[in-house]
């Protein structure tokens, strides 16, 4: 089952998109490092950090990430937006989400 899951949801990110995507995820991590859990988010900050770190490691090693997991984090009212709203960095989140969406649309 894991094989099929990875086949369907893990995608290789084009080389020219890896650096910008890495920078976006690292900026999100820097905000999360100063954040507390939100009662509205279905994920705790630590869980969100672990998920992003795992995807960053995959991106740096193989260039493959689980696109559905990353896309989920950036959806409206998904964990990142809820955490950002709770911790006062929603404007920064919206800019990062816009950049993320733009890169994912172009390069994936």
PDB file of N, CA and C in Angstrom:
ATOM      1  N   UNK A   1       0.819  -1.197   0.000  1.00  0.00           N
ATOM      2  CA  UNK A   1       0.000   0.000   0.000  1.00  0.00           C
ATOM      3  C   UNK A   1       0.863   1.262   0.000  1.00  0.00           C
ATOM      4  N   UNK A   2       1.945   1.247   0.770  1.00  0.00           N
ATOM      5  CA  UNK A   2       2.837   2.405   0.823  1.00  0.00           C
ATOM      6  C   UNK A   2       3.399   2.738  -0.554  1.00  0.00           C
ATOM      7  N   UNK A   3       3.720   1.698  -1.329  1.00  0.00           N
ATOM      8  CA  UNK A   3       4.251   1.899  -2.666  1.00  0.00           C
ATOM      9  C   UNK A   3       3.268   2.694  -3.525  1.00  0.00           C
ATOM     10  N   UNK A   4       1.999   2.283  -3.498  1.00  0.00           N
ATOM     11  CA  UNK A   4       0.984   2.967  -4.297  1.00  0.00           C
ATOM     12  C   UNK A   4       0.742   4.390  -3.800  1.00  0.00           C
ATOM     13  N   UNK A   5       0.729   4.567  -2.485  1.00  0.00           N
ATOM     14  CA  UNK A   5       0.560   5.904  -1.905  1.00  0.00           C
ATOM     15  C   UNK A   5       1.662   6.831  -2.407  1.00  0.00           C
ATOM     16  N   UNK A   6       2.909   6.355  -2.348  1.00  0.00           N
ATOM     17  CA  UNK A   6       4.037   7.172  -2.799  1.00  0.00           C
ATOM     18  C   UNK A   6       3.987   7.420  -4.297  1.00  0.00           C
ATOM     19  N   UNK A   7       3.568   6.422  -5.043  1.00  0.00           N
ATOM     20  CA  UNK A   7       3.463   6.556  -6.486  1.00  0.00           C
ATOM     21  C   UNK A   7       2.451   7.631  -6.872  1.00  0.00           C
ATOM     22  N   UNK A   8       1.360   7.687  -6.152  1.00  0.00           N
ATOM     23  CA  UNK A   8       0.295   8.634  -6.463  1.00  0.00           C
ATOM     24  C   UNK A   8       0.604  10.045  -5.967  1.00  0.00           C
ATOM     25  N   UNK A   9       1.096  10.158  -4.732  1.00  0.00           N
ATOM     26  CA  UNK A   9       1.171  11.471  -4.096  1.00  0.00           C
ATOM     27  C   UNK A   9       2.568  12.092  -4.036  1.00  0.00           C
ATOM     28  N   UNK A  10       3.615  11.306  -4.181  1.00  0.00           N
ATOM     29  CA  UNK A  10       4.955  11.900  -4.173  1.00  0.00           C
ATOM     30  C   UNK A  10       5.324  12.281  -5.588  1.00  0.00           C
ATOM     31  N   UNK A  11       5.693  13.523  -5.734  1.00  0.00           N
ATOM     32  CA  UNK A  11       6.075  14.014  -7.055  1.00  0.00           C
ATOM     33  C   UNK A  11       7.479  14.593  -6.994  1.00  0.00           C
ATOM     34  N   UNK A  12       8.162  14.415  -8.080  1.00  0.00           N
ATOM     35  CA  UNK A  12       9.486  15.011  -8.196  1.00  0.00           C
ATOM     36  C   UNK A  12       9.310  16.487  -8.544  1.00  0.00           C
ATOM     37  N   UNK A  13       9.942  17.325  -7.779  1.00  0.00           N
ATOM     38  CA  UNK A  13       9.882  18.764  -7.987  1.00  0.00           C
ATOM     39  C   UNK A  13      11.022  19.151  -8.935  1.00  0.00           C
ATOM     40  N   UNK A  14      10.693  19.936  -9.929  1.00  0.00           N
ATOM     41  CA  UNK A  14      11.729  20.363 -10.868  1.00  0.00           C
ATOM     42  C   UNK A  14      12.867  21.050 -10.134  1.00  0.00           C
ATOM     43  N   UNK A  15      14.067  20.848 -10.643  1.00  0.00           N
ATOM     44  CA  UNK A  15      15.255  21.386  -9.997  1.00  0.00           C
ATOM     45  C   UNK A  15      15.181  22.898  -9.769  1.00  0.00           C
ATOM     46  N   UNK A  16      14.667  23.627 -10.751  1.00  0.00           N
ATOM     47  CA  UNK A  16      14.615  25.083 -10.630  1.00  0.00           C
ATOM     48  C   UNK A  16      13.571  25.560  -9.625  1.00  0.00           C
ATOM     49  N   UNK A  17      12.728  24.671  -9.148  1.00  0.00           N
ATOM     50  CA  UNK A  17      11.723  25.040  -8.147  1.00  0.00           C
ATOM     51  C   UNK A  17      12.139  24.648  -6.739  1.00  0.00           C
ATOM     52  N   UNK A  18      13.151  23.837  -6.612  1.00  0.00           N
ATOM     53  CA  UNK A  18      13.534  23.329  -5.283  1.00  0.00           C
ATOM     54  C   UNK A  18      14.017  24.424  -4.343  1.00  0.00           C
ATOM     55  N   UNK A  19      14.838  25.318  -4.843  1.00  0.00           N
ATOM     56  CA  UNK A  19      15.377  26.381  -3.975  1.00  0.00           C
ATOM     57  C   UNK A  19      14.267  27.315  -3.500  1.00  0.00           C
ATOM     58  N   UNK A  20      13.419  27.837  -4.399  1.00  0.00           N
ATOM     59  CA  UNK A  20      12.355  28.712  -3.901  1.00  0.00           C
ATOM     60  C   UNK A  20      11.396  27.997  -2.950  1.00  0.00           C
ATOM     61  N   UNK A  21      11.069  26.744  -3.249  1.00  0.00           N
ATOM     62  CA  UNK A  21      10.165  25.990  -2.377  1.00  0.00           C
ATOM     63  C   UNK A  21      10.814  25.744  -1.018  1.00  0.00           C
ATOM     64  N   UNK A  22      12.089  25.436  -1.026  1.00  0.00           N
ATOM     65  CA  UNK A  22      12.831  25.258   0.227  1.00  0.00           C
ATOM     66  C   UNK A  22      12.815  26.543   1.038  1.00  0.00           C
ATOM     67  N   UNK A  23      13.035  27.679   0.385  1.00  0.00           N
ATOM     68  CA  UNK A  23      13.047  28.970   1.084  1.00  0.00           C
ATOM     69  C   UNK A  23      11.684  29.277   1.699  1.00  0.00           C
ATOM     70  N   UNK A  24      10.621  28.995   0.975  1.00  0.00           N
ATOM     71  CA  UNK A  24       9.271  29.235   1.496  1.00  0.00           C
ATOM     72  C   UNK A  24       9.026  28.379   2.735  1.00  0.00           C
ATOM     73  N   UNK A  25       9.349  27.106   2.642  1.00  0.00           N
ATOM     74  CA  UNK A  25       9.116  26.206   3.778  1.00  0.00           C
ATOM     75  C   UNK A  25       9.986  26.572   4.973  1.00  0.00           C
ATOM     76  N   UNK A  26      11.207  27.011   4.722  1.00  0.00           N
ATOM     77  CA  UNK A  26      12.078  27.427   5.828  1.00  0.00           C
ATOM     78  C   UNK A  26      11.564  28.710   6.487  1.00  0.00           C
ATOM     79  N   UNK A  27      11.002  29.619   5.706  1.00  0.00           N
ATOM     80  CA  UNK A  27      10.404  30.825   6.294  1.00  0.00           C
ATOM     81  C   UNK A  27       9.202  30.446   7.161  1.00  0.00           C
ATOM     82  N   UNK A  28       8.387  29.522   6.671  1.00  0.00           N
ATOM     83  CA  UNK A  28       7.250  29.060   7.468  1.00  0.00           C
ATOM     84  C   UNK A  28       7.749  28.458   8.772  1.00  0.00           C
ATOM     85  N   UNK A  29       8.801  27.659   8.712  1.00  0.00           N
ATOM     86  CA  UNK A  29       9.356  27.058   9.930  1.00  0.00           C
ATOM     87  C   UNK A  29       9.836  28.117  10.915  1.00  0.00           C
ATOM     88  N   UNK A  30      10.402  29.207  10.403  1.00  0.00           N
ATOM     89  CA  UNK A  30      10.877  30.261  11.312  1.00  0.00           C
ATOM     90  C   UNK A  30       9.707  30.909  12.053  1.00  0.00           C
ATOM     91  N   UNK A  31       8.568  31.065  11.391  1.00  0.00           N
ATOM     92  CA  UNK A  31       7.378  31.595  12.069  1.00  0.00           C
ATOM     93  C   UNK A  31       6.807  30.565  13.046  1.00  0.00           C
ATOM     94  N   UNK A  32       6.794  29.318  12.637  1.00  0.00           N
ATOM     95  CA  UNK A  32       6.255  28.272  13.513  1.00  0.00           C
ATOM     96  C   UNK A  32       7.085  28.128  14.786  1.00  0.00           C
ATOM     97  N   UNK A  33       8.389  28.396  14.696  1.00  0.00           N
ATOM     98  CA  UNK A  33       9.272  28.279  15.859  1.00  0.00           C
ATOM     99  C   UNK A  33       8.856  29.234  16.973  1.00  0.00           C
ATOM    100  N   UNK A  34       8.179  30.332  16.600  1.00  0.00           N
ATOM    101  CA  UNK A  34       7.753  31.336  17.587  1.00  0.00           C
ATOM    102  C   UNK A  34       6.252  31.246  17.881  1.00  0.00           C
ATOM    103  N   UNK A  35       5.631  30.164  17.439  1.00  0.00           N
ATOM    104  CA  UNK A  35       4.170  30.065  17.522  1.00  0.00           C
ATOM    105  C   UNK A  35       3.705  29.070  18.574  1.00  0.00           C
ATOM    106  N   UNK A  36       2.485  29.306  19.003  1.00  0.00           N
ATOM    107  CA  UNK A  36       1.816  28.385  19.922  1.00  0.00           C
ATOM    108  C   UNK A  36       0.673  27.713  19.172  1.00  0.00           C
ATOM    109  N   UNK A  37       0.194  26.606  19.723  1.00  0.00           N
ATOM    110  CA  UNK A  37      -0.910  25.870  19.103  1.00  0.00           C
ATOM    111  C   UNK A  37      -2.154  26.736  19.010  1.00  0.00           C
ATOM    112  N   UNK A  38      -2.951  26.464  17.990  1.00  0.00           N
ATOM    113  CA  UNK A  38      -4.234  27.135  17.814  1.00  0.00           C
ATOM    114  C   UNK A  38      -5.343  26.139  18.108  1.00  0.00           C
ATOM    115  N   UNK A  39      -6.356  26.579  18.813  1.00  0.00           N
ATOM    116  CA  UNK A  39      -7.476  25.666  19.088  1.00  0.00           C
ATOM    117  C   UNK A  39      -8.258  25.354  17.826  1.00  0.00           C
ATOM    118  N   UNK A  40      -8.082  26.166  16.780  1.00  0.00           N
ATOM    119  CA  UNK A  40      -8.820  25.977  15.533  1.00  0.00           C
ATOM    120  C   UNK A  40      -8.117  25.047  14.560  1.00  0.00           C
ATOM    121  N   UNK A  41      -6.840  24.813  14.769  1.00  0.00           N
ATOM    122  CA  UNK A  41      -6.075  23.961  13.864  1.00  0.00           C
ATOM    123  C   UNK A  41      -6.231  22.502  14.251  1.00  0.00           C
ATOM    124  N   UNK A  42      -6.303  21.633  13.247  1.00  0.00           N
ATOM    125  CA  UNK A  42      -6.401  20.207  13.543  1.00  0.00           C
ATOM    126  C   UNK A  42      -5.026  19.577  13.763  1.00  0.00           C
ATOM    127  N   UNK A  43      -3.969  20.388  13.654  1.00  0.00           N
ATOM    128  CA  UNK A  43      -2.609  19.920  13.926  1.00  0.00           C
ATOM    129  C   UNK A  43      -1.936  20.870  14.909  1.00  0.00           C
ATOM    130  N   UNK A  44      -1.152  20.306  15.807  1.00  0.00           N
ATOM    131  CA  UNK A  44      -0.374  21.130  16.712  1.00  0.00           C
ATOM    132  C   UNK A  44       0.835  21.681  15.967  1.00  0.00           C
ATOM    133  N   UNK A  45       1.424  22.717  16.519  1.00  0.00           N
ATOM    134  CA  UNK A  45       2.583  23.338  15.887  1.00  0.00           C
ATOM    135  C   UNK A  45       3.695  22.312  15.686  1.00  0.00           C
ATOM    136  N   UNK A  46       3.991  21.535  16.707  1.00  0.00           N
ATOM    137  CA  UNK A  46       5.078  20.554  16.619  1.00  0.00           C
ATOM    138  C   UNK A  46       4.826  19.531  15.515  1.00  0.00           C
ATOM    139  N   UNK A  47       3.608  19.086  15.394  1.00  0.00           N
ATOM    140  CA  UNK A  47       3.248  18.130  14.345  1.00  0.00           C
ATOM    141  C   UNK A  47       3.419  18.759  12.949  1.00  0.00           C
ATOM    142  N   UNK A  48       3.047  20.012  12.836  1.00  0.00           N
ATOM    143  CA  UNK A  48       3.189  20.738  11.574  1.00  0.00           C
ATOM    144  C   UNK A  48       4.667  20.904  11.231  1.00  0.00           C
ATOM    145  N   UNK A  49       5.466  21.247  12.220  1.00  0.00           N
ATOM    146  CA  UNK A  49       6.910  21.397  12.025  1.00  0.00           C
ATOM    147  C   UNK A  49       7.526  20.074  11.569  1.00  0.00           C
ATOM    148  N   UNK A  50       7.139  18.985  12.201  1.00  0.00           N
ATOM    149  CA  UNK A  50       7.666  17.675  11.820  1.00  0.00           C
ATOM    150  C   UNK A  50       7.311  17.328  10.377  1.00  0.00           C
ATOM    151  N   UNK A  51       6.082  17.595   9.996  1.00  0.00           N
ATOM    152  CA  UNK A  51       5.651  17.306   8.629  1.00  0.00           C
ATOM    153  C   UNK A  51       6.462  18.123   7.625  1.00  0.00           C
ATOM    154  N   UNK A  52       6.631  19.412   7.893  1.00  0.00           N
ATOM    155  CA  UNK A  52       7.396  20.269   6.980  1.00  0.00           C
ATOM    156  C   UNK A  52       8.850  19.833   6.931  1.00  0.00           C
ATOM    157  N   UNK A  53       9.439  19.530   8.084  1.00  0.00           N
ATOM    158  CA  UNK A  53      10.832  19.076   8.112  1.00  0.00           C
ATOM    159  C   UNK A  53      11.023  17.795   7.308  1.00  0.00           C
ATOM    160  N   UNK A  54      10.084  16.879   7.421  1.00  0.00           N
ATOM    161  CA  UNK A  54      10.177  15.632   6.665  1.00  0.00           C
ATOM    162  C   UNK A  54      10.121  15.913   5.161  1.00  0.00           C
ATOM    163  N   UNK A  55       9.214  16.790   4.757  1.00  0.00           N
ATOM    164  CA  UNK A  55       9.101  17.124   3.335  1.00  0.00           C
ATOM    165  C   UNK A  55      10.339  17.883   2.850  1.00  0.00           C
ATOM    166  N   UNK A  56      10.898  18.740   3.695  1.00  0.00           N
ATOM    167  CA  UNK A  56      12.136  19.447   3.336  1.00  0.00           C
ATOM    168  C   UNK A  56      13.286  18.468   3.146  1.00  0.00           C
ATOM    169  N   UNK A  57      13.399  17.499   4.041  1.00  0.00           N
ATOM    170  CA  UNK A  57      14.452  16.485   3.910  1.00  0.00           C
ATOM    171  C   UNK A  57      14.299  15.718   2.601  1.00  0.00           C
ATOM    172  N   UNK A  58      13.066  15.327   2.278  1.00  0.00           N
ATOM    173  CA  UNK A  58      12.813  14.619   1.025  1.00  0.00           C
ATOM    174  C   UNK A  58      13.159  15.495  -0.175  1.00  0.00           C
ATOM    175  N   UNK A  59      12.776  16.753  -0.100  1.00  0.00           N
ATOM    176  CA  UNK A  59      13.040  17.685  -1.193  1.00  0.00           C
ATOM    177  C   UNK A  59      14.540  17.836  -1.427  1.00  0.00           C
ATOM    178  N   UNK A  60      15.290  17.975  -0.353  1.00  0.00           N
ATOM    179  CA  UNK A  60      16.738  18.171  -0.472  1.00  0.00           C
ATOM    180  C   UNK A  60      17.461  16.897  -0.914  1.00  0.00           C
ATOM    181  N   UNK A  61      16.965  15.737  -0.489  1.00  0.00           N
ATOM    182  CA  UNK A  61      17.642  14.473  -0.812  1.00  0.00           C
ATOM    183  C   UNK A  61      17.266  13.927  -2.186  1.00  0.00           C
ATOM    184  N   UNK A  62      15.982  13.841  -2.440  1.00  0.00           N
ATOM    185  CA  UNK A  62      15.531  13.167  -3.658  1.00  0.00           C
ATOM    186  C   UNK A  62      14.782  14.083  -4.625  1.00  0.00           C
ATOM    187  N   UNK A  63      14.386  15.238  -4.142  1.00  0.00           N
ATOM    188  CA  UNK A  63      13.588  16.129  -4.976  1.00  0.00           C
ATOM    189  C   UNK A  63      12.129  15.744  -5.030  1.00  0.00           C
ATOM    190  N   UNK A  64      11.758  14.691  -4.287  1.00  0.00           N
ATOM    191  CA  UNK A  64      10.362  14.245  -4.264  1.00  0.00           C
ATOM    192  C   UNK A  64       9.721  14.651  -2.947  1.00  0.00           C
ATOM    193  N   UNK A  65       8.503  15.155  -3.033  1.00  0.00           N
ATOM    194  CA  UNK A  65       7.742  15.507  -1.832  1.00  0.00           C
ATOM    195  C   UNK A  65       6.328  14.972  -1.972  1.00  0.00           C
ATOM    196  N   UNK A  66       5.660  14.874  -0.846  1.00  0.00           N
ATOM    197  CA  UNK A  66       4.258  14.507  -0.866  1.00  0.00           C
ATOM    198  C   UNK A  66       3.470  15.793  -1.077  1.00  0.00           C
ATOM    199  N   UNK A  67       3.133  16.043  -2.307  1.00  0.00           N
ATOM    200  CA  UNK A  67       2.494  17.287  -2.702  1.00  0.00           C
ATOM    201  C   UNK A  67       1.151  17.472  -1.996  1.00  0.00           C
ATOM    202  N   UNK A  68       0.414  16.400  -1.816  1.00  0.00           N
ATOM    203  CA  UNK A  68      -0.900  16.527  -1.184  1.00  0.00           C
ATOM    204  C   UNK A  68      -0.777  16.997   0.266  1.00  0.00           C
ATOM    205  N   UNK A  69       0.256  16.542   0.977  1.00  0.00           N
ATOM    206  CA  UNK A  69       0.445  16.987   2.366  1.00  0.00           C
ATOM    207  C   UNK A  69       0.809  18.465   2.425  1.00  0.00           C
ATOM    208  N   UNK A  70       1.709  18.873   1.547  1.00  0.00           N
ATOM    209  CA  UNK A  70       2.089  20.293   1.528  1.00  0.00           C
ATOM    210  C   UNK A  70       0.925  21.168   1.097  1.00  0.00           C
ATOM    211  N   UNK A  71       0.212  20.746   0.061  1.00  0.00           N
ATOM    212  CA  UNK A  71      -0.951  21.516  -0.380  1.00  0.00           C
ATOM    213  C   UNK A  71      -1.968  21.649   0.741  1.00  0.00           C
ATOM    214  N   UNK A  72      -2.181  20.573   1.489  1.00  0.00           N
ATOM    215  CA  UNK A  72      -3.140  20.617   2.589  1.00  0.00           C
ATOM    216  C   UNK A  72      -2.764  21.690   3.608  1.00  0.00           C
ATOM    217  N   UNK A  73      -1.492  21.775   3.951  1.00  0.00           N
ATOM    218  CA  UNK A  73      -1.060  22.750   4.955  1.00  0.00           C
ATOM    219  C   UNK A  73      -1.381  24.178   4.542  1.00  0.00           C
ATOM    220  N   UNK A  74      -1.340  24.452   3.240  1.00  0.00           N
ATOM    221  CA  UNK A  74      -1.520  25.819   2.745  1.00  0.00           C
ATOM    222  C   UNK A  74      -2.954  26.136   2.326  1.00  0.00           C
ATOM    223  N   UNK A  75      -3.870  25.202   2.482  1.00  0.00           N
ATOM    224  CA  UNK A  75      -5.270  25.478   2.142  1.00  0.00           C
ATOM    225  C   UNK A  75      -5.859  26.543   3.069  1.00  0.00           C
ATOM    226  N   UNK A  76      -6.872  27.261   2.605  1.00  0.00           N
ATOM    227  CA  UNK A  76      -7.563  28.206   3.502  1.00  0.00           C
ATOM    228  C   UNK A  76      -8.148  27.459   4.699  1.00  0.00           C
ATOM    229  N   UNK A  77      -8.000  28.015   5.835  1.00  0.00           N
ATOM    230  CA  UNK A  77      -8.439  27.489   7.139  1.00  0.00           C
ATOM    231  C   UNK A  77      -7.800  26.150   7.497  1.00  0.00           C
ATOM    232  N   UNK A  78      -6.702  25.812   6.847  1.00  0.00           N
ATOM    233  CA  UNK A  78      -5.933  24.613   7.201  1.00  0.00           C
ATOM    234  C   UNK A  78      -4.940  24.988   8.311  1.00  0.00           C
ATOM    235  N   UNK A  79      -4.145  24.033   8.781  1.00  0.00           N
ATOM    236  CA  UNK A  79      -3.294  24.288   9.953  1.00  0.00           C
ATOM    237  C   UNK A  79      -2.440  25.548   9.896  1.00  0.00           C
ATOM    238  N   UNK A  80      -1.755  25.792   8.791  1.00  0.00           N
ATOM    239  CA  UNK A  80      -0.864  26.963   8.768  1.00  0.00           C
ATOM    240  C   UNK A  80      -1.615  28.275   8.919  1.00  0.00           C
ATOM    241  N   UNK A  81      -2.722  28.414   8.237  1.00  0.00           N
ATOM    242  CA  UNK A  81      -3.465  29.669   8.353  1.00  0.00           C
ATOM    243  C   UNK A  81      -4.029  29.846   9.762  1.00  0.00           C
ATOM    244  N   UNK A  82      -4.537  28.783  10.332  1.00  0.00           N
ATOM    245  CA  UNK A  82      -5.094  28.883  11.684  1.00  0.00           C
ATOM    246  C   UNK A  82      -4.008  29.226  12.708  1.00  0.00           C
ATOM    247  N   UNK A  83      -2.861  28.591  12.580  1.00  0.00           N
ATOM    248  CA  UNK A  83      -1.746  28.888  13.486  1.00  0.00           C
ATOM    249  C   UNK A  83      -1.266  30.320  13.278  1.00  0.00           C
ATOM    250  N   UNK A  84      -1.169  30.739  12.033  1.00  0.00           N
ATOM    251  CA  UNK A  84      -0.727  32.107  11.730  1.00  0.00           C
ATOM    252  C   UNK A  84      -1.687  33.141  12.310  1.00  0.00           C
ATOM    253  N   UNK A  85      -2.981  32.897  12.169  1.00  0.00           N
ATOM    254  CA  UNK A  85      -3.976  33.836  12.704  1.00  0.00           C
ATOM    255  C   UNK A  85      -3.882  33.921  14.222  1.00  0.00           C
ATOM    256  N   UNK A  86      -3.698  32.791  14.853  1.00  0.00           N
ATOM    257  CA  UNK A  86      -3.608  32.739  16.317  1.00  0.00           C
ATOM    258  C   UNK A  86      -2.363  33.454  16.840  1.00  0.00           C
ATOM    259  N   UNK A  87      -1.311  33.495  16.017  1.00  0.00           N
ATOM    260  CA  UNK A  87      -0.026  34.001  16.490  1.00  0.00           C
ATOM    261  C   UNK A  87       0.410  35.318  15.860  1.00  0.00           C
ATOM    262  N   UNK A  88      -0.479  35.959  15.089  1.00  0.00           N
ATOM    263  CA  UNK A  88      -0.209  37.303  14.605  1.00  0.00           C
ATOM    264  C   UNK A  88       0.679  37.414  13.375  1.00  0.00           C
ATOM    265  N   UNK A  89       0.815  36.358  12.599  1.00  0.00           N
ATOM    266  CA  UNK A  89       1.606  36.468  11.374  1.00  0.00           C
ATOM    267  C   UNK A  89       0.802  36.060  10.135  1.00  0.00           C
ATOM    268  N   UNK A  90      -0.484  36.367  10.161  1.00  0.00           N
ATOM    269  CA  UNK A  90      -1.362  35.979   9.055  1.00  0.00           C
ATOM    270  C   UNK A  90      -1.019  36.707   7.755  1.00  0.00           C
ATOM    271  N   UNK A  91      -0.607  37.974   7.816  1.00  0.00           N
ATOM    272  CA  UNK A  91      -0.236  38.691   6.596  1.00  0.00           C
ATOM    273  C   UNK A  91       0.987  38.044   5.944  1.00  0.00           C
ATOM    274  N   UNK A  92       1.958  37.680   6.756  1.00  0.00           N
ATOM    275  CA  UNK A  92       3.153  37.010   6.245  1.00  0.00           C
ATOM    276  C   UNK A  92       2.778  35.640   5.683  1.00  0.00           C
ATOM    277  N   UNK A  93       1.881  34.951   6.376  1.00  0.00           N
ATOM    278  CA  UNK A  93       1.419  33.643   5.891  1.00  0.00           C
ATOM    279  C   UNK A  93       0.770  33.778   4.510  1.00  0.00           C
ATOM    280  N   UNK A  94      -0.078  34.770   4.337  1.00  0.00           N
ATOM    281  CA  UNK A  94      -0.772  34.938   3.058  1.00  0.00           C
ATOM    282  C   UNK A  94       0.216  35.167   1.912  1.00  0.00           C
ATOM    283  N   UNK A  95       1.272  35.931   2.169  1.00  0.00           N
ATOM    284  CA  UNK A  95       2.304  36.143   1.149  1.00  0.00           C
ATOM    285  C   UNK A  95       3.027  34.839   0.836  1.00  0.00           C
ATOM    286  N   UNK A  96       3.378  34.087   1.873  1.00  0.00           N
ATOM    287  CA  UNK A  96       4.057  32.812   1.669  1.00  0.00           C
ATOM    288  C   UNK A  96       3.155  31.810   0.955  1.00  0.00           C
ATOM    289  N   UNK A  97       1.882  31.795   1.306  1.00  0.00           N
ATOM    290  CA  UNK A  97       0.935  30.881   0.663  1.00  0.00           C
ATOM    291  C   UNK A  97       0.780  31.221  -0.816  1.00  0.00           C
ATOM    292  N   UNK A  98       0.762  32.500  -1.120  1.00  0.00           N
ATOM    293  CA  UNK A  98       0.663  32.929  -2.520  1.00  0.00           C
ATOM    294  C   UNK A  98       1.901  32.478  -3.307  1.00  0.00           C
ATOM    295  N   UNK A  99       3.076  32.647  -2.703  1.00  0.00           N
ATOM    296  CA  UNK A  99       4.311  32.199  -3.342  1.00  0.00           C
ATOM    297  C   UNK A  99       4.304  30.674  -3.521  1.00  0.00           C
ATOM    298  N   UNK A 100       3.880  29.973  -2.479  1.00  0.00           N
ATOM    299  CA  UNK A 100       3.813  28.511  -2.534  1.00  0.00           C
ATOM    300  C   UNK A 100       2.893  28.070  -3.673  1.00  0.00           C
ATOM    301  N   UNK A 101       1.697  28.627  -3.722  1.00  0.00           N
ATOM    302  CA  UNK A 101       0.733  28.261  -4.770  1.00  0.00           C
ATOM    303  C   UNK A 101       1.291  28.553  -6.165  1.00  0.00           C
ATOM    304  N   UNK A 102       1.943  29.676  -6.310  1.00  0.00           N
ATOM    305  CA  UNK A 102       2.508  30.060  -7.590  1.00  0.00           C
ATOM    306  C   UNK A 102       3.576  29.060  -8.034  1.00  0.00           C
ATOM    307  N   UNK A 103       4.472  28.699  -7.118  1.00  0.00           N
ATOM    308  CA  UNK A 103       5.536  27.745  -7.463  1.00  0.00           C
ATOM    309  C   UNK A 103       4.974  26.360  -7.742  1.00  0.00           C
ATOM    310  N   UNK A 104       4.016  25.933  -6.967  1.00  0.00           N
ATOM    311  CA  UNK A 104       3.442  24.606  -7.174  1.00  0.00           C
ATOM    312  C   UNK A 104       2.701  24.548  -8.510  1.00  0.00           C
ATOM    313  N   UNK A 105       2.049  25.610  -8.882  1.00  0.00           N
ATOM    314  CA  UNK A 105       1.321  25.632 -10.158  1.00  0.00           C
ATOM    315  C   UNK A 105       2.280  25.613 -11.347  1.00  0.00           C
ATOM    316  N   UNK A 106       3.406  26.300 -11.199  1.00  0.00           N
ATOM    317  CA  UNK A 106       4.369  26.387 -12.297  1.00  0.00           C
ATOM    318  C   UNK A 106       5.228  25.143 -12.448  1.00  0.00           C
ATOM    319  N   UNK A 107       5.629  24.568 -11.338  1.00  0.00           N
ATOM    320  CA  UNK A 107       6.691  23.567 -11.374  1.00  0.00           C
ATOM    321  C   UNK A 107       6.274  22.135 -11.042  1.00  0.00           C
ATOM    322  N   UNK A 108       5.040  21.923 -10.671  1.00  0.00           N
ATOM    323  CA  UNK A 108       4.637  20.559 -10.308  1.00  0.00           C
ATOM    324  C   UNK A 108       3.638  20.009 -11.270  1.00  0.00           C
TER     325      UNK A 108
END
